[in-house]
Amino acid sequence: MWYISGNRDPDEIEDPDRFIIDRARPRQHLSFGFGIHRCVGNRLAEMQLTILWEEILKRFPPIEVVERPKRAYSNLIHGITEMNVRIPPRGPRPDFGA
């Protein structure tokens, strides 16, 4: 996801594009929630997706994007609604050291 202004909203955060170590109200920010928040589920989800893609890419030939992805039209989320790919037929199954 891509929040267009997020922590760079000049109406909410003074001088948002500068790193200010002693910024007033440093915990008033957006990051998988609001305020004092550290989302453990976010880290778990990132790790699961990394492992998923590593395993998929080990088992299949290269996945090819066959046409330009269709993007979501949103001021809040930078996302893809459709992306057509081609997965070539598999050759012999790789030996994973059973």
C-alpha atoms as a PDB file:
ATOM      1  CA  MET A   1       0.000   0.000   0.000  1.00  0.00           C
ATOM      2  CA  TRP A   2       1.067   3.559  -0.566  1.00  0.00           C
ATOM      3  CA  TYR A   3      -0.414   6.324   1.529  1.00  0.00           C
ATOM      4  CA  ILE A   4       0.072   9.424  -0.601  1.00  0.00           C
ATOM      5  CA  SER A   5       1.010  11.918   2.105  1.00  0.00           C
ATOM      6  CA  GLY A   6       1.024   9.789   5.258  1.00  0.00           C
ATOM      7  CA  ASN A   7       3.713  11.130   7.569  1.00  0.00           C
ATOM      8  CA  ARG A   8       4.483  13.975   5.165  1.00  0.00           C
ATOM      9  CA  ASP A   9       1.191  15.842   5.516  1.00  0.00           C
ATOM     10  CA  PRO A  10       2.193  19.482   6.117  1.00  0.00           C
ATOM     11  CA  ASP A  11      -1.192  20.163   7.743  1.00  0.00           C
ATOM     12  CA  GLU A  12      -0.358  17.622  10.454  1.00  0.00           C
ATOM     13  CA  ILE A  13       3.443  17.545  10.669  1.00  0.00           C
ATOM     14  CA  GLU A  14       5.604  20.654  10.631  1.00  0.00           C
ATOM     15  CA  ASP A  15       8.381  20.535   8.010  1.00  0.00           C
ATOM     16  CA  PRO A  16       7.520  16.921   7.132  1.00  0.00           C
ATOM     17  CA  ASP A  17      10.347  16.260   4.666  1.00  0.00           C
ATOM     18  CA  ARG A  18      13.150  16.942   7.127  1.00  0.00           C
ATOM     19  CA  PHE A  19      14.570  14.480   9.635  1.00  0.00           C
ATOM     20  CA  ILE A  20      14.308  16.302  12.964  1.00  0.00           C
ATOM     21  CA  ILE A  21      15.627  14.163  15.811  1.00  0.00           C
ATOM     22  CA  ASP A  22      13.946  16.234  18.536  1.00  0.00           C
ATOM     23  CA  ARG A  23      10.656  16.768  16.677  1.00  0.00           C
ATOM     24  CA  ALA A  24       7.696  17.685  18.886  1.00  0.00           C
ATOM     25  CA  ARG A  25       5.146  14.852  19.204  1.00  0.00           C
ATOM     26  CA  PRO A  26       7.395  12.260  17.483  1.00  0.00           C
ATOM     27  CA  ARG A  27       4.908   9.460  18.064  1.00  0.00           C
ATOM     28  CA  GLN A  28       2.093  11.159  16.201  1.00  0.00           C
ATOM     29  CA  HIS A  29       2.624   9.294  12.955  1.00  0.00           C
ATOM     30  CA  LEU A  30       0.992   6.773  10.651  1.00  0.00           C
ATOM     31  CA  SER A  31       2.524   3.325  10.498  1.00  0.00           C
ATOM     32  CA  PHE A  32       0.187   0.341  10.448  1.00  0.00           C
ATOM     33  CA  GLY A  33      -1.949   2.148  12.990  1.00  0.00           C
ATOM     34  CA  PHE A  34      -1.760   5.432  14.848  1.00  0.00           C
ATOM     35  CA  GLY A  35       0.316   6.560  17.784  1.00  0.00           C
ATOM     36  CA  ILE A  36       2.504   4.336  19.931  1.00  0.00           C
ATOM     37  CA  HIS A  37       2.301   1.198  17.884  1.00  0.00           C
ATOM     38  CA  ARG A  38       4.612  -1.451  16.570  1.00  0.00           C
ATOM     39  CA  CYS A  39       2.750  -3.904  14.398  1.00  0.00           C
ATOM     40  CA  VAL A  40       4.254  -7.358  14.946  1.00  0.00           C
ATOM     41  CA  GLY A  41       1.718  -8.770  12.484  1.00  0.00           C
ATOM     42  CA  ASN A  42       3.216  -6.579   9.748  1.00  0.00           C
ATOM     43  CA  ARG A  43       6.667  -8.130  10.209  1.00  0.00           C
ATOM     44  CA  LEU A  44       5.172 -11.625  10.291  1.00  0.00           C
ATOM     45  CA  ALA A  45       3.203 -10.977   7.093  1.00  0.00           C
ATOM     46  CA  GLU A  46       6.313  -9.626   5.320  1.00  0.00           C
ATOM     47  CA  MET A  47       8.291 -12.703   6.372  1.00  0.00           C
ATOM     48  CA  GLN A  48       5.532 -15.077   5.240  1.00  0.00           C
ATOM     49  CA  LEU A  49       5.271 -13.380   1.844  1.00  0.00           C
ATOM     50  CA  THR A  50       9.055 -13.486   1.398  1.00  0.00           C
ATOM     51  CA  ILE A  51       9.122 -17.229   2.142  1.00  0.00           C
ATOM     52  CA  LEU A  52       6.099 -17.862  -0.084  1.00  0.00           C
ATOM     53  CA  TRP A  53       7.711 -16.140  -3.086  1.00  0.00           C
ATOM     54  CA  GLU A  54      11.088 -17.793  -2.467  1.00  0.00           C
ATOM     55  CA  GLU A  55       9.426 -21.215  -2.529  1.00  0.00           C
ATOM     56  CA  ILE A  56       7.254 -20.452  -5.575  1.00  0.00           C
ATOM     57  CA  LEU A  57      10.248 -19.177  -7.525  1.00  0.00           C
ATOM     58  CA  LYS A  58      12.283 -22.308  -6.661  1.00  0.00           C
ATOM     59  CA  ARG A  59       9.598 -24.600  -8.030  1.00  0.00           C
ATOM     60  CA  PHE A  60       8.576 -22.856 -11.248  1.00  0.00           C
ATOM     61  CA  PRO A  61      10.382 -21.482 -14.265  1.00  0.00           C
ATOM     62  CA  PRO A  62      10.544 -17.695 -14.477  1.00  0.00           C
ATOM     63  CA  ILE A  63       7.121 -16.070 -14.271  1.00  0.00           C
ATOM     64  CA  GLU A  64       6.673 -13.545 -17.085  1.00  0.00           C
ATOM     65  CA  VAL A  65       4.452 -10.459 -16.944  1.00  0.00           C
ATOM     66  CA  VAL A  66       2.651 -10.449 -20.310  1.00  0.00           C
ATOM     67  CA  GLU A  67       1.026  -7.015 -20.250  1.00  0.00           C
ATOM     68  CA  ARG A  68       1.112  -3.830 -18.266  1.00  0.00           C
ATOM     69  CA  PRO A  69      -0.569  -4.236 -14.835  1.00  0.00           C
ATOM     70  CA  LYS A  70      -3.874  -2.439 -14.204  1.00  0.00           C
ATOM     71  CA  ARG A  71      -3.561  -0.090 -11.281  1.00  0.00           C
ATOM     72  CA  ALA A  72      -6.140   0.794  -8.655  1.00  0.00           C
ATOM     73  CA  TYR A  73      -7.384   4.357  -8.993  1.00  0.00           C
ATOM     74  CA  SER A  74      -7.208   5.627  -5.450  1.00  0.00           C
ATOM     75  CA  ASN A  75      -5.855   8.575  -3.510  1.00  0.00           C
ATOM     76  CA  LEU A  76      -5.152   6.259  -0.588  1.00  0.00           C
ATOM     77  CA  ILE A  77      -3.739   3.014  -1.945  1.00  0.00           C
ATOM     78  CA  HIS A  78      -1.106   2.448  -4.609  1.00  0.00           C
ATOM     79  CA  GLY A  79      -2.119  -0.998  -5.764  1.00  0.00           C
ATOM     80  CA  ILE A  80      -2.544  -3.352  -8.664  1.00  0.00           C
ATOM     81  CA  THR A  81      -5.984  -4.735  -9.461  1.00  0.00           C
ATOM     82  CA  GLU A  82      -4.951  -7.019 -12.313  1.00  0.00           C
ATOM     83  CA  MET A  83      -1.664  -8.382 -13.608  1.00  0.00           C
ATOM     84  CA  ASN A  84      -1.587 -11.086 -16.264  1.00  0.00           C
ATOM     85  CA  VAL A  85       1.390 -13.403 -16.171  1.00  0.00           C
ATOM     86  CA  ARG A  86       2.564 -16.499 -17.984  1.00  0.00           C
ATOM     87  CA  ILE A  87       3.942 -19.420 -16.048  1.00  0.00           C
ATOM     88  CA  PRO A  88       5.736 -21.737 -18.490  1.00  0.00           C
ATOM     89  CA  PRO A  89       5.178 -25.490 -18.101  1.00  0.00           C
ATOM     90  CA  ARG A  90       7.447 -27.075 -15.547  1.00  0.00           C
ATOM     91  CA  GLY A  91      10.316 -29.245 -16.572  1.00  0.00           C
ATOM     92  CA  PRO A  92      11.549 -32.095 -14.396  1.00  0.00           C
ATOM     93  CA  ARG A  93      10.908 -31.499 -10.731  1.00  0.00           C
ATOM     94  CA  PRO A  94      14.016 -30.176  -8.947  1.00  0.00           C
ATOM     95  CA  ASP A  95      15.611 -32.271  -6.216  1.00  0.00           C
ATOM     96  CA  PHE A  96      15.304 -30.406  -2.907  1.00  0.00           C
ATOM     97  CA  GLY A  97      17.407 -32.873  -0.963  1.00  0.00           C
ATOM     98  CA  ALA A  98      14.374 -34.842   0.273  1.00  0.00           C
END
